[in-house]
Amino acid sequence: MAPLFRDPKVLEYDIIAIQEPWISKIEYNSHNPRAQAFILWLPTQGAKPPGVAFFINKRLDQSRISFTSHSANIATVAITYDTYDTNDTGPAGTNLLHVYNVYNNPPEDQPTSTLRELDAIYTNTRDAHSRSDHVIVGDFNMEGPEWAAEDLGDRGSARQGLPYFRDFLRTKSLQVVLPEGTITREEGDSASTIDLAICNTTAASKLLKCRRADEIHHDSDHWPISTTIQLRTIKAADTSPTKLWKNTPVDVFRARLAARLPTLQGRPSDQDVVDTFQKVVAALQDTIEDTVPIANPTIRHTPGFTGACKEKCRETNRLRKVWQHTRTPGAWEAYRKVRNQKATVAKKALTENWQEKVNRASAEGPKGLWGLVKMTKTRGQGAAQQNVTPTINNETKFDGKVAALSRAFFPAPPDIPKTPSPPTDL
């Protein structure tokens, strides 16, 4: 996930559906190195780790997007978009696009459990919104001759659900839009088509393309799939620019403000006072506009991603293409070796970046350290799990109430090594 989201090309996508996401062992959260560009949505925390995750681009109007967690392995996103009349004179109404993210990894004794759950969710959603568009994407861990280049063998318990899956596609009038024979999983000499993109009839009529996105592949055993639907999606409104007040040149600000301030002469009337006040406000606004610098953040900037990381990524991509063309054991070994080196270089760079943040926070004193603690606790979905006042009505003694409050607001810190941990461990 980390190399994928550090690729600037992912910024072109509005919705990214991930299967088998990385989950932190310390808090219920995942890795989101593009937090300035994407909002991370995970299923509701349960007994099992989540098998799916959504990343929603912030350029979309978030008020028109809703997320539903059905289980650890199925989640949906609903997007409201405007529909237009034949003359294209303006919005004629609204419609919904439902995107399903599925990871089919059922237990041995229930090979169709995930598919039956998907069937029920899709049926209920379709019945509630009869005209809406539906797109189902995910890792289904099964191959069929309808979409695979060839039948390449068993995929465990998920394979046993293939007859039910075929019946689900047929009875619900769904179609696999990924081109037949596209290899989506590749590791050594093994190749298969187990990752699919599925549309209903209305969504398929708006489909522009569905293909394997080789340009954003970053050494996973699964290839990414790009699906493009033609909709008039709603972009978020541009916000006012952020001013860097701390970087204001004070001497320049005072000199320009003094040159613009009006003066009162003689005995001013009430109207003169009002006019002068308005001129003072205008002078302040003009001086602020001229002298206070404006922040120019870029979503393409990734802290900690050094030149050495970029060079390793280029070398890995080059050797991967060599292996894909030659398919020799030597080319595979060279590619595998550099791929592992890339992971080591990226981890080291992230660690050094994190240690630099800790050192800067330490130099600022307790305020800086507490700010760093707050950042690690509230980033991503951690912000939705802030501490709340516990129920202490059942506690009758003073010590019990103190203990309940202490557990809620001052939990025991986890065991961590003496050296600062990198962000990937938080």
Foldseek 3Di string as FASTA:
>chain_A
DVLLQLDVVVLVDFKDKAFQFDAFPADGFGDDLLLVFWAKDAADDDPDAAGMIMTGGQQFDCVQKDKAHDDSFKIKIKGKAFDADPVRPDGPGIAIEIEMEGEQDDDQVCLCVRVVSVLVVVVVVCVVGVPHKYKYWYFQQEDDQVAAPDHDDHRHSNNVCVVVVVVSCVVQQKDWQEHHHAWFFADQPDTIDGITMMIHPVQVVQWDHKYFDPVSDQPDRGTDIDTDGDGPTHTDDDDDFAWDVVPFPVVQLVVQLVVQQDDDDDDDDPVRVVVNVVSNVVSNVVSCVVTTDTDDDDSSDRPLCDPVLVVLRVVLSVLVVVCVVPVDPVSSVVNVVSSVVSVVSSQVSQLVRVLVQVVVLVVVPPVSVVVVVVCLQCPRCSVVVAFDQDDCPPPDDPVSNVVSRCCRPPNDDDDDDPRDDGSNND
